[in-house]
PDB file of N, CA and C in Angstrom:
ATOM      1  N   MET A   1       4.533 -21.597  59.193  1.00  0.00           N
ATOM      2  CA  MET A   1       5.140 -21.608  57.877  1.00  0.00           C
ATOM      3  C   MET A   1       4.148 -21.018  56.870  1.00  0.00           C
ATOM      4  N   ASN A   2       4.575 -20.014  56.135  1.00  0.00           N
ATOM      5  CA  ASN A   2       3.712 -19.396  55.137  1.00  0.00           C
ATOM      6  C   ASN A   2       3.688 -20.230  53.871  1.00  0.00           C
ATOM      7  N   GLN A   3       2.484 -20.358  53.308  1.00  0.00           N
ATOM      8  CA  GLN A   3       2.388 -21.048  52.036  1.00  0.00           C
ATOM      9  C   GLN A   3       2.629 -20.055  50.917  1.00  0.00           C
ATOM     10  N   ARG A   4       3.283 -20.507  49.895  1.00  0.00           N
ATOM     11  CA  ARG A   4       3.573 -19.667  48.746  1.00  0.00           C
ATOM     12  C   ARG A   4       2.293 -19.440  47.952  1.00  0.00           C
ATOM     13  N   ARG A   5       2.033 -18.172  47.645  1.00  0.00           N
ATOM     14  CA  ARG A   5       0.845 -17.839  46.879  1.00  0.00           C
ATOM     15  C   ARG A   5       1.110 -18.069  45.395  1.00  0.00           C
ATOM     16  N   VAL A   6       0.100 -18.542  44.705  1.00  0.00           N
ATOM     17  CA  VAL A   6       0.205 -18.806  43.276  1.00  0.00           C
ATOM     18  C   VAL A   6      -0.760 -17.870  42.557  1.00  0.00           C
ATOM     19  N   PHE A   7      -0.236 -17.168  41.562  1.00  0.00           N
ATOM     20  CA  PHE A   7      -1.046 -16.233  40.804  1.00  0.00           C
ATOM     21  C   PHE A   7      -1.215 -16.753  39.385  1.00  0.00           C
ATOM     22  N   THR A   8      -2.408 -16.581  38.846  1.00  0.00           N
ATOM     23  CA  THR A   8      -2.673 -17.044  37.491  1.00  0.00           C
ATOM     24  C   THR A   8      -2.041 -16.097  36.478  1.00  0.00           C
ATOM     25  N   LYS A   9      -1.894 -16.600  35.279  1.00  0.00           N
ATOM     26  CA  LYS A   9      -1.342 -15.799  34.189  1.00  0.00           C
ATOM     27  C   LYS A   9      -2.222 -14.581  33.937  1.00  0.00           C
ATOM     28  N   GLU A  10      -3.526 -14.781  33.968  1.00  0.00           N
ATOM     29  CA  GLU A  10      -4.465 -13.695  33.724  1.00  0.00           C
ATOM     30  C   GLU A  10      -4.325 -12.603  34.782  1.00  0.00           C
ATOM     31  N   PHE A  11      -4.178 -13.005  36.049  1.00  0.00           N
ATOM     32  CA  PHE A  11      -4.012 -12.035  37.127  1.00  0.00           C
ATOM     33  C   PHE A  11      -2.742 -11.219  36.917  1.00  0.00           C
ATOM     34  N   LYS A  12      -1.658 -11.886  36.580  1.00  0.00           N
ATOM     35  CA  LYS A  12      -0.387 -11.198  36.370  1.00  0.00           C
ATOM     36  C   LYS A  12      -0.484 -10.202  35.218  1.00  0.00           C
ATOM     37  N   LEU A  13      -1.099 -10.636  34.111  1.00  0.00           N
ATOM     38  CA  LEU A  13      -1.243  -9.733  32.976  1.00  0.00           C
ATOM     39  C   LEU A  13      -2.128  -8.548  33.324  1.00  0.00           C
ATOM     40  N   ASP A  14      -3.174  -8.782  34.107  1.00  0.00           N
ATOM     41  CA  ASP A  14      -4.047  -7.697  34.544  1.00  0.00           C
ATOM     42  C   ASP A  14      -3.283  -6.712  35.433  1.00  0.00           C
ATOM     43  N   VAL A  15      -2.481  -7.229  36.341  1.00  0.00           N
ATOM     44  CA  VAL A  15      -1.696  -6.367  37.220  1.00  0.00           C
ATOM     45  C   VAL A  15      -0.705  -5.533  36.411  1.00  0.00           C
ATOM     46  N   VAL A  16      -0.036  -6.150  35.454  1.00  0.00           N
ATOM     47  CA  VAL A  16       0.921  -5.419  34.619  1.00  0.00           C
ATOM     48  C   VAL A  16       0.201  -4.311  33.856  1.00  0.00           C
ATOM     49  N   THR A  17      -0.940  -4.626  33.278  1.00  0.00           N
ATOM     50  CA  THR A  17      -1.700  -3.626  32.533  1.00  0.00           C
ATOM     51  C   THR A  17      -2.125  -2.481  33.441  1.00  0.00           C
ATOM     52  N   ARG A  18      -2.645  -2.816  34.611  1.00  0.00           N
ATOM     53  CA  ARG A  18      -3.077  -1.784  35.558  1.00  0.00           C
ATOM     54  C   ARG A  18      -1.902  -0.960  36.069  1.00  0.00           C
ATOM     55  N   SER A  19      -0.725  -1.586  36.190  1.00  0.00           N
ATOM     56  CA  SER A  19       0.431  -0.848  36.701  1.00  0.00           C
ATOM     57  C   SER A  19       0.872   0.248  35.740  1.00  0.00           C
ATOM     58  N   TYR A  20       0.661   0.034  34.446  1.00  0.00           N
ATOM     59  CA  TYR A  20       0.998   1.056  33.466  1.00  0.00           C
ATOM     60  C   TYR A  20      -0.034   2.177  33.440  1.00  0.00           C
ATOM     61  N   GLN A  21      -1.240   1.895  33.905  1.00  0.00           N
ATOM     62  CA  GLN A  21      -2.307   2.884  33.884  1.00  0.00           C
ATOM     63  C   GLN A  21      -2.371   3.720  35.149  1.00  0.00           C
ATOM     64  N   CYS A  22      -1.834   3.220  36.253  1.00  0.00           N
ATOM     65  CA  CYS A  22      -1.935   3.953  37.519  1.00  0.00           C
ATOM     66  C   CYS A  22      -0.696   4.808  37.746  1.00  0.00           C
ATOM     67  N   ASP A  23      -0.869   5.811  38.610  1.00  0.00           N
ATOM     68  CA  ASP A  23       0.228   6.725  38.917  1.00  0.00           C
ATOM     69  C   ASP A  23       1.121   6.211  40.042  1.00  0.00           C
ATOM     70  N   ASN A  24       0.548   5.455  40.966  1.00  0.00           N
ATOM     71  CA  ASN A  24       1.293   5.016  42.133  1.00  0.00           C
ATOM     72  C   ASN A  24       1.222   3.494  42.243  1.00  0.00           C
ATOM     73  N   ILE A  25       2.341   2.850  41.945  1.00  0.00           N
ATOM     74  CA  ILE A  25       2.385   1.385  41.964  1.00  0.00           C
ATOM     75  C   ILE A  25       2.279   0.858  43.393  1.00  0.00           C
ATOM     76  N   ARG A  26       2.779   1.621  44.341  1.00  0.00           N
ATOM     77  CA  ARG A  26       2.686   1.194  45.743  1.00  0.00           C
ATOM     78  C   ARG A  26       1.224   1.066  46.166  1.00  0.00           C
ATOM     79  N   GLU A  27       0.405   2.007  45.764  1.00  0.00           N
ATOM     80  CA  GLU A  27      -1.023   1.944  46.095  1.00  0.00           C
ATOM     81  C   GLU A  27      -1.680   0.738  45.426  1.00  0.00           C
ATOM     82  N   LEU A  28      -1.317   0.477  44.181  1.00  0.00           N
ATOM     83  CA  LEU A  28      -1.852  -0.690  43.481  1.00  0.00           C
ATOM     84  C   LEU A  28      -1.455  -1.971  44.210  1.00  0.00           C
ATOM     85  N   ALA A  29      -0.201  -2.056  44.619  1.00  0.00           N
ATOM     86  CA  ALA A  29       0.271  -3.248  45.328  1.00  0.00           C
ATOM     87  C   ALA A  29      -0.486  -3.425  46.637  1.00  0.00           C
ATOM     88  N   ASN A  30      -0.685  -2.342  47.369  1.00  0.00           N
ATOM     89  CA  ASN A  30      -1.429  -2.431  48.631  1.00  0.00           C
ATOM     90  C   ASN A  30      -2.878  -2.842  48.388  1.00  0.00           C
ATOM     91  N   GLU A  31      -3.470  -2.316  47.337  1.00  0.00           N
ATOM     92  CA  GLU A  31      -4.849  -2.645  46.990  1.00  0.00           C
ATOM     93  C   GLU A  31      -4.993  -4.129  46.670  1.00  0.00           C
ATOM     94  N   LEU A  32      -4.002  -4.680  45.977  1.00  0.00           N
ATOM     95  CA  LEU A  32      -4.055  -6.082  45.567  1.00  0.00           C
ATOM     96  C   LEU A  32      -3.459  -7.038  46.598  1.00  0.00           C
ATOM     97  N   GLY A  33      -2.773  -6.498  47.602  1.00  0.00           N
ATOM     98  CA  GLY A  33      -2.178  -7.344  48.632  1.00  0.00           C
ATOM     99  C   GLY A  33      -0.931  -8.073  48.179  1.00  0.00           C
ATOM    100  N   ILE A  34      -0.156  -7.444  47.291  1.00  0.00           N
ATOM    101  CA  ILE A  34       1.091  -8.048  46.816  1.00  0.00           C
ATOM    102  C   ILE A  34       2.229  -7.054  47.009  1.00  0.00           C
ATOM    103  N   ARG A  35       3.447  -7.546  46.879  1.00  0.00           N
ATOM    104  CA  ARG A  35       4.623  -6.685  47.043  1.00  0.00           C
ATOM    105  C   ARG A  35       4.851  -5.849  45.788  1.00  0.00           C
ATOM    106  N   VAL A  36       5.378  -4.647  45.991  1.00  0.00           N
ATOM    107  CA  VAL A  36       5.697  -3.743  44.884  1.00  0.00           C
ATOM    108  C   VAL A  36       6.746  -4.390  43.976  1.00  0.00           C
ATOM    109  N   ALA A  37       7.727  -5.043  44.575  1.00  0.00           N
ATOM    110  CA  ALA A  37       8.797  -5.675  43.799  1.00  0.00           C
ATOM    111  C   ALA A  37       8.243  -6.731  42.854  1.00  0.00           C
ATOM    112  N   LEU A  38       7.167  -7.387  43.273  1.00  0.00           N
ATOM    113  CA  LEU A  38       6.558  -8.409  42.431  1.00  0.00           C
ATOM    114  C   LEU A  38       5.958  -7.791  41.174  1.00  0.00           C
ATOM    115  N   ILE A  39       5.348  -6.634  41.328  1.00  0.00           N
ATOM    116  CA  ILE A  39       4.787  -5.945  40.152  1.00  0.00           C
ATOM    117  C   ILE A  39       5.903  -5.586  39.185  1.00  0.00           C
ATOM    118  N   TYR A  40       7.000  -5.047  39.706  1.00  0.00           N
ATOM    119  CA  TYR A  40       8.118  -4.686  38.830  1.00  0.00           C
ATOM    120  C   TYR A  40       8.733  -5.917  38.166  1.00  0.00           C
ATOM    121  N   LYS A  41       8.777  -7.021  38.891  1.00  0.00           N
ATOM    122  CA  LYS A  41       9.307  -8.261  38.321  1.00  0.00           C
ATOM    123  C   LYS A  41       8.434  -8.725  37.163  1.00  0.00           C
ATOM    124  N   TRP A  42       7.116  -8.687  37.358  1.00  0.00           N
ATOM    125  CA  TRP A  42       6.197  -9.100  36.306  1.00  0.00           C
ATOM    126  C   TRP A  42       6.272  -8.151  35.114  1.00  0.00           C
ATOM    127  N   ARG A  43       6.436  -6.860  35.383  1.00  0.00           N
ATOM    128  CA  ARG A  43       6.543  -5.885  34.298  1.00  0.00           C
ATOM    129  C   ARG A  43       7.786  -6.148  33.464  1.00  0.00           C
ATOM    130  N   SER A  44       8.903  -6.413  34.129  1.00  0.00           N
ATOM    131  CA  SER A  44      10.142  -6.664  33.379  1.00  0.00           C
ATOM    132  C   SER A  44      10.044  -7.967  32.581  1.00  0.00           C
ATOM    133  N   ALA A  45       9.402  -8.982  33.144  1.00  0.00           N
ATOM    134  CA  ALA A  45       9.210 -10.242  32.414  1.00  0.00           C
ATOM    135  C   ALA A  45       8.323 -10.012  31.198  1.00  0.00           C
ATOM    136  N   PHE A  46       7.350  -9.146  31.336  1.00  0.00           N
ATOM    137  CA  PHE A  46       6.443  -8.847  30.240  1.00  0.00           C
ATOM    138  C   PHE A  46       7.153  -8.057  29.142  1.00  0.00           C
ATOM    139  N   GLN A  47       8.049  -7.157  29.515  1.00  0.00           N
ATOM    140  CA  GLN A  47       8.751  -6.310  28.551  1.00  0.00           C
ATOM    141  C   GLN A  47       9.876  -7.048  27.842  1.00  0.00           C
ATOM    142  N   GLU A  48      10.531  -7.982  28.524  1.00  0.00           N
ATOM    143  CA  GLU A  48      11.734  -8.637  27.998  1.00  0.00           C
ATOM    144  C   GLU A  48      11.471  -9.559  26.822  1.00  0.00           C
ATOM    145  N   THR A  49      10.266 -10.054  26.699  1.00  0.00           N
ATOM    146  CA  THR A  49      10.051 -11.120  25.741  1.00  0.00           C
ATOM    147  C   THR A  49       8.826 -10.871  24.880  1.00  0.00           C
ATOM    148  N   SER A  50       8.915 -11.375  23.673  1.00  0.00           N
ATOM    149  CA  SER A  50       7.757 -11.319  22.790  1.00  0.00           C
ATOM    150  C   SER A  50       7.006 -12.644  22.804  1.00  0.00           C
ATOM    151  N   LYS A  51       7.628 -13.655  23.378  1.00  0.00           N
ATOM    152  CA  LYS A  51       6.968 -14.958  23.465  1.00  0.00           C
ATOM    153  C   LYS A  51       6.042 -14.981  24.680  1.00  0.00           C
ATOM    154  N   PRO A  52       5.215 -15.997  24.814  1.00  0.00           N
ATOM    155  CA  PRO A  52       4.270 -16.039  25.929  1.00  0.00           C
ATOM    156  C   PRO A  52       4.969 -15.902  27.275  1.00  0.00           C
ATOM    157  N   VAL A  53       4.466 -15.008  28.078  1.00  0.00           N
ATOM    158  CA  VAL A  53       5.065 -14.743  29.380  1.00  0.00           C
ATOM    159  C   VAL A  53       4.174 -15.361  30.458  1.00  0.00           C
ATOM    160  N   PHE A  54       4.752 -15.646  31.601  1.00  0.00           N
ATOM    161  CA  PHE A  54       4.069 -16.246  32.736  1.00  0.00           C
ATOM    162  C   PHE A  54       3.533 -17.641  32.396  1.00  0.00           C
ATOM    163  N   PRO A  55       4.409 -18.579  32.051  1.00  0.00           N
ATOM    164  CA  PRO A  55       3.940 -19.907  31.691  1.00  0.00           C
ATOM    165  C   PRO A  55       3.312 -20.663  32.851  1.00  0.00           C
ATOM    166  N   GLY A  56       3.624 -20.278  34.081  1.00  0.00           N
ATOM    167  CA  GLY A  56       2.965 -20.889  35.223  1.00  0.00           C
ATOM    168  C   GLY A  56       3.883 -21.697  36.103  1.00  0.00           C
ATOM    169  N   HIS A  57       3.661 -21.603  37.380  1.00  0.00           N
ATOM    170  CA  HIS A  57       4.346 -22.374  38.418  1.00  0.00           C
ATOM    171  C   HIS A  57       5.865 -22.327  38.307  1.00  0.00           C
ATOM    172  N   GLY A  58       6.408 -21.186  37.947  1.00  0.00           N
ATOM    173  CA  GLY A  58       7.847 -21.017  37.912  1.00  0.00           C
ATOM    174  C   GLY A  58       8.568 -21.726  36.811  1.00  0.00           C
ATOM    175  N   VAL A  59       7.863 -22.236  35.858  1.00  0.00           N
ATOM    176  CA  VAL A  59       8.481 -22.923  34.741  1.00  0.00           C
ATOM    177  C   VAL A  59       8.744 -21.904  33.654  1.00  0.00           C
ATOM    178  N   ALA A  60       9.989 -21.752  33.282  1.00  0.00           N
ATOM    179  CA  ALA A  60      10.341 -20.766  32.273  1.00  0.00           C
ATOM    180  C   ALA A  60       9.849 -21.194  30.903  1.00  0.00           C
ATOM    181  N   ALA A  61       9.415 -20.214  30.128  1.00  0.00           N
ATOM    182  CA  ALA A  61       8.995 -20.490  28.756  1.00  0.00           C
ATOM    183  C   ALA A  61      10.247 -20.714  27.918  1.00  0.00           C
ATOM    184  N   LEU A  62      10.344 -21.856  27.264  1.00  0.00           N
ATOM    185  CA  LEU A  62      11.525 -22.196  26.491  1.00  0.00           C
ATOM    186  C   LEU A  62      11.221 -22.164  25.006  1.00  0.00           C
ATOM    187  N   THR A  63      12.213 -21.734  24.249  1.00  0.00           N
ATOM    188  CA  THR A  63      12.085 -21.797  22.803  1.00  0.00           C
ATOM    189  C   THR A  63      12.232 -23.260  22.382  1.00  0.00           C
ATOM    190  N   PRO A  64      11.825 -23.605  21.170  1.00  0.00           N
ATOM    191  CA  PRO A  64      11.999 -25.000  20.730  1.00  0.00           C
ATOM    192  C   PRO A  64      13.458 -25.453  20.792  1.00  0.00           C
ATOM    193  N   GLU A  65      14.387 -24.547  20.486  1.00  0.00           N
ATOM    194  CA  GLU A  65      15.807 -24.901  20.554  1.00  0.00           C
ATOM    195  C   GLU A  65      16.233 -25.185  21.993  1.00  0.00           C
ATOM    196  N   GLN A  66      15.748 -24.367  22.928  1.00  0.00           N
ATOM    197  CA  GLN A  66      16.083 -24.580  24.332  1.00  0.00           C
ATOM    198  C   GLN A  66      15.482 -25.883  24.846  1.00  0.00           C
ATOM    199  N   GLN A  67      14.271 -26.203  24.387  1.00  0.00           N
ATOM    200  CA  GLN A  67      13.650 -27.468  24.776  1.00  0.00           C
ATOM    201  C   GLN A  67      14.466 -28.650  24.259  1.00  0.00           C
ATOM    202  N   GLU A  68      14.937 -28.548  23.014  1.00  0.00           N
ATOM    203  CA  GLU A  68      15.747 -29.621  22.443  1.00  0.00           C
ATOM    204  C   GLU A  68      17.063 -29.768  23.191  1.00  0.00           C
ATOM    205  N   ILE A  69      17.695 -28.652  23.531  1.00  0.00           N
ATOM    206  CA  ILE A  69      18.951 -28.687  24.284  1.00  0.00           C
ATOM    207  C   ILE A  69      18.727 -29.345  25.640  1.00  0.00           C
ATOM    208  N   ALA A  70      17.641 -28.976  26.322  1.00  0.00           N
ATOM    209  CA  ALA A  70      17.345 -29.564  27.630  1.00  0.00           C
ATOM    210  C   ALA A  70      17.121 -31.072  27.507  1.00  0.00           C
ATOM    211  N   GLN A  71      16.406 -31.483  26.461  1.00  0.00           N
ATOM    212  CA  GLN A  71      16.154 -32.906  26.238  1.00  0.00           C
ATOM    213  C   GLN A  71      17.461 -33.644  25.961  1.00  0.00           C
ATOM    214  N   LEU A  72      18.318 -33.060  25.129  1.00  0.00           N
ATOM    215  CA  LEU A  72      19.595 -33.709  24.812  1.00  0.00           C
ATOM    216  C   LEU A  72      20.497 -33.793  26.033  1.00  0.00           C
ATOM    217  N   ARG A  73      20.476 -32.762  26.856  1.00  0.00           N
ATOM    218  CA  ARG A  73      21.275 -32.797  28.093  1.00  0.00           C
ATOM    219  C   ARG A  73      20.800 -33.908  29.017  1.00  0.00           C
ATOM    220  N   GLN A  74      19.484 -34.075  29.109  1.00  0.00           N
ATOM    221  CA  GLN A  74      18.941 -35.140  29.950  1.00  0.00           C
ATOM    222  C   GLN A  74      19.323 -36.504  29.407  1.00  0.00           C
ATOM    223  N   GLU A  75      19.235 -36.671  28.089  1.00  0.00           N
ATOM    224  CA  GLU A  75      19.618 -37.936  27.472  1.00  0.00           C
ATOM    225  C   GLU A  75      21.103 -38.222  27.693  1.00  0.00           C
ATOM    226  N   LEU A  76      21.939 -37.192  27.602  1.00  0.00           N
ATOM    227  CA  LEU A  76      23.369 -37.365  27.845  1.00  0.00           C
ATOM    228  C   LEU A  76      23.639 -37.774  29.292  1.00  0.00           C
ATOM    229  N   ALA A  77      22.944 -37.133  30.220  1.00  0.00           N
ATOM    230  CA  ALA A  77      23.111 -37.490  31.631  1.00  0.00           C
ATOM    231  C   ALA A  77      22.693 -38.937  31.875  1.00  0.00           C
ATOM    232  N   ASP A  78      21.584 -39.367  31.251  1.00  0.00           N
ATOM    233  CA  ASP A  78      21.138 -40.750  31.392  1.00  0.00           C
ATOM    234  C   ASP A  78      22.164 -41.722  30.813  1.00  0.00           C
ATOM    235  N   ALA A  79      22.708 -41.404  29.638  1.00  0.00           N
ATOM    236  CA  ALA A  79      23.698 -42.276  29.000  1.00  0.00           C
ATOM    237  C   ALA A  79      24.959 -42.383  29.855  1.00  0.00           C
ATOM    238  N   ARG A  80      25.388 -41.276  30.435  1.00  0.00           N
ATOM    239  CA  ARG A  80      26.577 -41.304  31.309  1.00  0.00           C
ATOM    240  C   ARG A  80      26.325 -42.165  32.540  1.00  0.00           C
ATOM    241  N   MET A  81      25.125 -42.039  33.118  1.00  0.00           N
ATOM    242  CA  MET A  81      24.804 -42.839  34.293  1.00  0.00           C
ATOM    243  C   MET A  81      24.807 -44.321  33.937  1.00  0.00           C
ATOM    244  N   GLU A  82      24.207 -44.688  32.808  1.00  0.00           N
ATOM    245  CA  GLU A  82      24.197 -46.082  32.377  1.00  0.00           C
ATOM    246  C   GLU A  82      25.618 -46.585  32.137  1.00  0.00           C
ATOM    247  N   ARG A  83      26.448 -45.757  31.518  1.00  0.00           N
ATOM    248  CA  ARG A  83      27.842 -46.136  31.271  1.00  0.00           C
ATOM    249  C   ARG A  83      28.569 -46.411  32.584  1.00  0.00           C
ATOM    250  N   ASP A  84      28.379 -45.513  33.562  1.00  0.00           N
ATOM    251  CA  ASP A  84      29.054 -45.685  34.850  1.00  0.00           C
ATOM    252  C   ASP A  84      28.591 -46.964  35.554  1.00  0.00           C
ATOM    253  N   ILE A  85      27.301 -47.242  35.463  1.00  0.00           N
ATOM    254  CA  ILE A  85      26.777 -48.474  36.075  1.00  0.00           C
ATOM    255  C   ILE A  85      27.383 -49.704  35.411  1.00  0.00           C
ATOM    256  N   LEU A  86      27.466 -49.679  34.099  1.00  0.00           N
ATOM    257  CA  LEU A  86      28.056 -50.814  33.386  1.00  0.00           C
ATOM    258  C   LEU A  86      29.533 -50.979  33.715  1.00  0.00           C
ATOM    259  N   LYS A  87      30.264 -49.892  33.851  1.00  0.00           N
ATOM    260  CA  LYS A  87      31.677 -49.981  34.229  1.00  0.00           C
ATOM    261  C   LYS A  87      31.836 -50.648  35.581  1.00  0.00           C
ATOM    262  N   LYS A  88      30.976 -50.265  36.528  1.00  0.00           N
ATOM    263  CA  LYS A  88      31.053 -50.854  37.864  1.00  0.00           C
ATOM    264  C   LYS A  88      30.683 -52.337  37.818  1.00  0.00           C
ATOM    265  N   ALA A  89      29.683 -52.658  37.028  1.00  0.00           N
ATOM    266  CA  ALA A  89      29.270 -54.059  36.926  1.00  0.00           C
ATOM    267  C   ALA A  89      30.377 -54.902  36.322  1.00  0.00           C
ATOM    268  N   ILE A  90      31.053 -54.403  35.310  1.00  0.00           N
ATOM    269  CA  ILE A  90      32.169 -55.128  34.687  1.00  0.00           C
ATOM    270  C   ILE A  90      33.282 -55.335  35.716  1.00  0.00           C
ATOM    271  N   GLY A  91      33.541 -54.312  36.508  1.00  0.00           N
ATOM    272  CA  GLY A  91      34.565 -54.427  37.544  1.00  0.00           C
ATOM    273  C   GLY A  91      34.214 -55.472  38.599  1.00  0.00           C
ATOM    274  N   ILE A  92      32.968 -55.482  38.999  1.00  0.00           N
ATOM    275  CA  ILE A  92      32.526 -56.431  40.033  1.00  0.00           C
ATOM    276  C   ILE A  92      32.543 -57.866  39.498  1.00  0.00           C
ATOM    277  N   PHE A  93      31.960 -58.083  38.326  1.00  0.00           N
ATOM    278  CA  PHE A  93      31.899 -59.428  37.787  1.00  0.00           C
ATOM    279  C   PHE A  93      33.232 -59.900  37.234  1.00  0.00           C
ATOM    280  N   GLY A  94      34.085 -58.988  36.851  1.00  0.00           N
ATOM    281  CA  GLY A  94      35.401 -59.363  36.357  1.00  0.00           C
ATOM    282  C   GLY A  94      36.279 -59.920  37.476  1.00  0.00           C
ATOM    283  N   LYS A  95      36.130 -59.383  38.680  1.00  0.00           N
ATOM    284  CA  LYS A  95      36.926 -59.839  39.829  1.00  0.00           C
ATOM    285  C   LYS A  95      36.463 -61.220  40.295  1.00  0.00           C
ATOM    286  N   SER A  96      35.169 -61.463  40.308  1.00  0.00           N
ATOM    287  CA  SER A  96      34.654 -62.708  40.857  1.00  0.00           C
ATOM    288  C   SER A  96      34.829 -63.888  39.907  1.00  0.00           C
ATOM    289  N   GLY A  97      35.053 -63.617  38.603  1.00  0.00           N
ATOM    290  CA  GLY A  97      35.141 -64.711  37.634  1.00  0.00           C
ATOM    291  C   GLY A  97      36.504 -65.384  37.612  1.00  0.00           C
ATOM    292  N   GLY A  98      37.526 -64.739  38.108  1.00  0.00           N
ATOM    293  CA  GLY A  98      38.812 -65.311  37.864  1.00  0.00           C
ATOM    294  C   GLY A  98      39.630 -65.712  38.968  1.00  0.00           C
TER     295      GLY A  98
END
């Protein structure tokens, strides 16, 4: 089983910078021991956004609004789970009381 390689933010930024300076990306990829597609993926991630890119370990960089939405969604999911548990408890204790 192959272990997944982890690249630092600095390494990725260096590779992106070097990829724009070199003529042959395939040679750069071979030199660094990475796939060509990975370089293109990092380049597109670097071009698409003005916010910090490569936050690390596959965690997407979120805007404050996206972070708030994610937090609210989690809170809603928790509230729904608590509601469902209480409904079941009412059903169970309601049957045994009467």
